[in-house]
Amino acid sequence: MKRCLPTSRLLTRFSTGVTGYIGGDAFYELESRHPDWDYSVLVRGRERGAQVAEKYPNARLVYGTNEDSDIIEAESAKADIVIRTFVCSDGSCRLQH
C-alpha cells in the first residue's frame, strides 16, 4: 500500500549530517524541489551552522551532536520527514539504530 504525504499544509523536515557529502546532497535536492517546506538541521557548532545558514538562510539550525539523543528525538517528533545521514567519524555513534 502506497502512503502519501499530506499536501494541504507545509511539511516539516529534520535532517542530520547536512554538512557531509551524502547528507549535503540529499538536503540540496529536497530543498531545491520543495523550497516551501520548513527545514530544521542538526549542526555540531557555530562554524558548521554558519556554512549551512549561508546556503540555506531559511533553515532552522539546531545545535547539538550525534550523542544528543534528547535533541534528536524532540526534533524528529516535530517533523513529517526525518533524514539521518550523519557519519560516525567523530566517534559519537552511541545512538541505537
N, C-alpha and C. Protein backbone atom coordinates (compact mmCIF):
# COMPACT_ATOMS: atom_id res chain seq x y z
N MET A 1 0.84 -1.17 0.00
CA MET A 1 0.00 0.00 0.00
C MET A 1 0.89 1.24 0.00
N LYS A 2 0.64 2.14 -0.90
CA LYS A 2 1.43 3.36 -1.01
C LYS A 2 0.91 4.40 -0.02
N ARG A 3 1.82 5.00 0.74
CA ARG A 3 1.45 6.02 1.71
C ARG A 3 1.83 7.39 1.15
N CYS A 4 0.89 8.29 1.12
CA CYS A 4 1.13 9.62 0.59
C CYS A 4 1.30 10.61 1.73
N LEU A 5 2.16 11.58 1.51
CA LEU A 5 2.33 12.65 2.48
C LEU A 5 1.23 13.68 2.31
N PRO A 6 0.79 14.30 3.39
CA PRO A 6 -0.26 15.32 3.27
C PRO A 6 0.23 16.50 2.43
N THR A 7 -0.64 17.03 1.60
CA THR A 7 -0.26 18.15 0.75
C THR A 7 -1.03 19.42 1.08
N SER A 8 -1.93 19.38 2.03
CA SER A 8 -2.74 20.55 2.35
C SER A 8 -2.04 21.52 3.29
N ARG A 9 -0.86 21.18 3.75
CA ARG A 9 -0.11 22.06 4.64
C ARG A 9 1.38 21.92 4.34
N LEU A 10 2.14 22.84 4.87
CA LEU A 10 3.60 22.77 4.69
C LEU A 10 4.15 21.58 5.46
N LEU A 11 5.06 20.87 4.85
CA LEU A 11 5.70 19.76 5.54
C LEU A 11 6.94 20.26 6.26
N THR A 12 7.29 19.56 7.32
CA THR A 12 8.50 19.89 8.07
C THR A 12 9.48 18.74 7.91
N ARG A 13 10.74 19.09 7.87
CA ARG A 13 11.78 18.09 7.70
C ARG A 13 12.90 18.37 8.68
N PHE A 14 13.40 17.31 9.31
CA PHE A 14 14.55 17.39 10.20
C PHE A 14 15.65 16.52 9.63
N SER A 15 16.85 17.09 9.52
CA SER A 15 17.98 16.35 8.95
C SER A 15 19.21 16.42 9.83
N THR A 16 19.97 15.36 9.80
CA THR A 16 21.30 15.34 10.41
C THR A 16 22.30 15.09 9.29
N GLY A 17 23.52 15.49 9.48
CA GLY A 17 24.57 15.21 8.52
C GLY A 17 24.56 16.09 7.28
N VAL A 18 23.91 17.25 7.33
CA VAL A 18 23.81 18.08 6.11
C VAL A 18 25.12 18.73 5.70
N THR A 19 26.12 18.76 6.57
CA THR A 19 27.42 19.31 6.17
C THR A 19 28.31 18.24 5.56
N GLY A 20 27.82 17.01 5.50
CA GLY A 20 28.57 15.93 4.89
C GLY A 20 28.23 15.75 3.43
N TYR A 21 28.93 14.84 2.80
CA TYR A 21 28.78 14.61 1.36
C TYR A 21 27.38 14.10 1.01
N ILE A 22 26.97 13.00 1.59
CA ILE A 22 25.67 12.40 1.26
C ILE A 22 24.53 13.25 1.82
N GLY A 23 24.64 13.64 3.08
CA GLY A 23 23.60 14.46 3.69
C GLY A 23 23.44 15.80 3.02
N GLY A 24 24.55 16.39 2.60
CA GLY A 24 24.51 17.67 1.91
C GLY A 24 23.82 17.56 0.56
N ASP A 25 24.14 16.50 -0.19
CA ASP A 25 23.49 16.29 -1.49
C ASP A 25 22.01 16.01 -1.32
N ALA A 26 21.65 15.20 -0.33
CA ALA A 26 20.24 14.89 -0.09
C ALA A 26 19.47 16.16 0.30
N PHE A 27 20.07 16.96 1.17
CA PHE A 27 19.42 18.20 1.59
C PHE A 27 19.24 19.15 0.41
N TYR A 28 20.27 19.31 -0.39
CA TYR A 28 20.22 20.20 -1.56
C TYR A 28 19.08 19.79 -2.50
N GLU A 29 19.00 18.50 -2.82
CA GLU A 29 17.98 18.01 -3.74
C GLU A 29 16.57 18.25 -3.21
N LEU A 30 16.35 17.91 -1.96
CA LEU A 30 15.00 18.07 -1.40
C LEU A 30 14.64 19.54 -1.25
N GLU A 31 15.57 20.35 -0.77
CA GLU A 31 15.29 21.78 -0.60
C GLU A 31 15.07 22.47 -1.94
N SER A 32 15.79 22.03 -2.97
CA SER A 32 15.62 22.60 -4.30
C SER A 32 14.24 22.28 -4.88
N ARG A 33 13.76 21.10 -4.60
CA ARG A 33 12.46 20.66 -5.13
C ARG A 33 11.28 21.14 -4.28
N HIS A 34 11.54 21.41 -3.02
CA HIS A 34 10.47 21.82 -2.10
C HIS A 34 10.91 23.00 -1.24
N PRO A 35 11.15 24.15 -1.85
CA PRO A 35 11.63 25.29 -1.06
C PRO A 35 10.59 25.84 -0.09
N ASP A 36 9.34 25.44 -0.24
CA ASP A 36 8.27 25.93 0.62
C ASP A 36 8.14 25.13 1.92
N TRP A 37 8.84 24.02 2.05
CA TRP A 37 8.79 23.24 3.28
C TRP A 37 9.61 23.92 4.37
N ASP A 38 9.33 23.56 5.61
CA ASP A 38 10.12 24.03 6.75
C ASP A 38 11.23 23.02 7.01
N TYR A 39 12.45 23.53 7.19
CA TYR A 39 13.61 22.66 7.39
C TYR A 39 14.30 22.99 8.71
N SER A 40 14.64 21.94 9.44
CA SER A 40 15.48 22.04 10.64
C SER A 40 16.65 21.10 10.43
N VAL A 41 17.84 21.56 10.79
CA VAL A 41 19.03 20.74 10.59
C VAL A 41 19.89 20.74 11.85
N LEU A 42 20.40 19.57 12.17
CA LEU A 42 21.30 19.43 13.31
C LEU A 42 22.72 19.74 12.84
N VAL A 43 23.35 20.68 13.51
CA VAL A 43 24.75 21.02 13.21
C VAL A 43 25.55 20.99 14.51
N ARG A 44 26.83 20.65 14.40
CA ARG A 44 27.67 20.46 15.58
C ARG A 44 28.24 21.72 16.19
N GLY A 45 28.27 22.79 15.46
CA GLY A 45 28.86 24.00 16.03
C GLY A 45 28.55 25.22 15.19
N ARG A 46 28.98 26.37 15.71
CA ARG A 46 28.69 27.65 15.04
C ARG A 46 29.32 27.74 13.64
N GLU A 47 30.52 27.20 13.49
CA GLU A 47 31.19 27.26 12.19
C GLU A 47 30.40 26.49 11.14
N ARG A 48 30.01 25.29 11.46
CA ARG A 48 29.20 24.50 10.52
C ARG A 48 27.82 25.12 10.34
N GLY A 49 27.28 25.67 11.40
CA GLY A 49 25.99 26.35 11.30
C GLY A 49 26.04 27.53 10.35
N ALA A 50 27.13 28.28 10.39
CA ALA A 50 27.30 29.43 9.50
C ALA A 50 27.35 28.98 8.04
N GLN A 51 28.00 27.85 7.78
CA GLN A 51 28.06 27.32 6.42
C GLN A 51 26.67 26.97 5.90
N VAL A 52 25.89 26.33 6.75
CA VAL A 52 24.53 25.95 6.35
C VAL A 52 23.66 27.19 6.18
N ALA A 53 23.75 28.12 7.13
CA ALA A 53 22.92 29.33 7.07
C ALA A 53 23.23 30.16 5.83
N GLU A 54 24.48 30.15 5.39
CA GLU A 54 24.85 30.91 4.20
C GLU A 54 24.16 30.36 2.95
N LYS A 55 24.10 29.03 2.85
CA LYS A 55 23.48 28.40 1.68
C LYS A 55 21.96 28.30 1.81
N TYR A 56 21.48 28.12 3.04
CA TYR A 56 20.05 27.90 3.28
C TYR A 56 19.58 28.81 4.41
N PRO A 57 19.38 30.09 4.11
CA PRO A 57 19.05 31.04 5.18
C PRO A 57 17.70 30.78 5.86
N ASN A 58 16.83 30.02 5.23
CA ASN A 58 15.53 29.74 5.84
C ASN A 58 15.51 28.48 6.70
N ALA A 59 16.61 27.73 6.70
CA ALA A 59 16.68 26.52 7.53
C ALA A 59 16.87 26.92 8.99
N ARG A 60 16.18 26.23 9.87
CA ARG A 60 16.34 26.45 11.31
C ARG A 60 17.47 25.57 11.81
N LEU A 61 18.47 26.19 12.41
CA LEU A 61 19.63 25.45 12.91
C LEU A 61 19.36 24.93 14.31
N VAL A 62 19.68 23.67 14.52
CA VAL A 62 19.57 23.03 15.83
C VAL A 62 20.98 22.59 16.19
N TYR A 63 21.52 23.14 17.26
CA TYR A 63 22.90 22.84 17.63
C TYR A 63 22.97 21.64 18.56
N GLY A 64 23.82 20.69 18.20
CA GLY A 64 23.99 19.50 19.01
C GLY A 64 24.92 18.53 18.30
N THR A 65 25.06 17.36 18.89
CA THR A 65 25.91 16.31 18.31
C THR A 65 25.08 15.05 18.12
N ASN A 66 25.73 14.05 17.55
CA ASN A 66 25.07 12.76 17.33
C ASN A 66 24.69 12.08 18.64
N GLU A 67 25.33 12.49 19.73
CA GLU A 67 25.04 11.90 21.03
C GLU A 67 23.87 12.56 21.75
N ASP A 68 23.39 13.66 21.25
CA ASP A 68 22.30 14.39 21.90
C ASP A 68 20.95 13.77 21.54
N SER A 69 20.72 12.58 22.08
CA SER A 69 19.51 11.84 21.72
C SER A 69 18.24 12.59 22.09
N ASP A 70 18.25 13.36 23.17
CA ASP A 70 17.05 14.13 23.54
C ASP A 70 16.71 15.16 22.47
N ILE A 71 17.72 15.84 21.96
CA ILE A 71 17.50 16.83 20.90
C ILE A 71 17.02 16.14 19.63
N ILE A 72 17.68 15.07 19.24
CA ILE A 72 17.31 14.36 18.02
C ILE A 72 15.89 13.81 18.14
N GLU A 73 15.56 13.25 19.28
CA GLU A 73 14.22 12.71 19.48
C GLU A 73 13.16 13.81 19.43
N ALA A 74 13.40 14.93 20.09
CA ALA A 74 12.43 16.02 20.11
C ALA A 74 12.23 16.61 18.72
N GLU A 75 13.32 16.83 17.99
CA GLU A 75 13.21 17.40 16.65
C GLU A 75 12.54 16.42 15.68
N SER A 76 12.85 15.15 15.83
CA SER A 76 12.25 14.13 14.97
C SER A 76 10.74 14.05 15.20
N ALA A 77 10.33 14.21 16.45
CA ALA A 77 8.90 14.15 16.77
C ALA A 77 8.12 15.30 16.14
N LYS A 78 8.77 16.42 15.92
CA LYS A 78 8.12 17.59 15.31
C LYS A 78 8.04 17.50 13.79
N ALA A 79 8.83 16.62 13.19
CA ALA A 79 8.98 16.61 11.75
C ALA A 79 8.09 15.57 11.07
N ASP A 80 7.68 15.89 9.84
CA ASP A 80 6.98 14.93 9.00
C ASP A 80 7.97 13.98 8.34
N ILE A 81 9.16 14.49 8.04
CA ILE A 81 10.20 13.71 7.38
C ILE A 81 11.48 13.85 8.19
N VAL A 82 12.15 12.73 8.46
CA VAL A 82 13.43 12.75 9.16
C VAL A 82 14.44 12.03 8.28
N ILE A 83 15.54 12.71 8.00
CA ILE A 83 16.62 12.11 7.23
C ILE A 83 17.88 12.19 8.07
N ARG A 84 18.39 11.03 8.41
CA ARG A 84 19.54 10.93 9.31
C ARG A 84 20.72 10.38 8.53
N THR A 85 21.67 11.25 8.22
CA THR A 85 22.81 10.83 7.40
C THR A 85 24.15 11.10 8.05
N PHE A 86 24.18 11.31 9.35
CA PHE A 86 25.47 11.60 9.97
C PHE A 86 26.38 10.39 9.91
N VAL A 87 27.66 10.66 9.92
CA VAL A 87 28.69 9.63 9.89
C VAL A 87 29.37 9.63 11.24
N CYS A 88 29.89 8.52 11.63
CA CYS A 88 30.48 8.36 12.96
C CYS A 88 31.96 8.70 13.01
N SER A 89 32.42 9.54 12.14
CA SER A 89 33.85 9.86 12.12
C SER A 89 34.29 10.61 13.37
N ASP A 90 33.34 11.19 14.09
CA ASP A 90 33.72 11.90 15.32
C ASP A 90 33.65 10.97 16.53
N GLY A 91 33.35 9.70 16.31
CA GLY A 91 33.32 8.71 17.40
C GLY A 91 32.06 8.75 18.23
N SER A 92 31.05 9.49 17.80
CA SER A 92 29.83 9.63 18.62
C SER A 92 28.69 8.81 18.04
N CYS A 93 28.84 7.52 18.06
CA CYS A 93 27.82 6.64 17.48
C CYS A 93 27.19 5.74 18.54
N ARG A 94 26.78 6.33 19.61
CA ARG A 94 26.17 5.55 20.69
C ARG A 94 24.67 5.37 20.50
N LEU A 95 24.06 6.15 19.58
CA LEU A 95 22.63 6.02 19.34
C LEU A 95 22.34 4.67 18.73
N GLN A 96 21.28 4.05 19.14
CA GLN A 96 20.88 2.76 18.58
C GLN A 96 20.08 2.98 17.31
N HIS A 97 20.37 2.19 16.31
CA HIS A 97 19.67 2.30 15.02
C HIS A 97 18.41 1.50 15.06
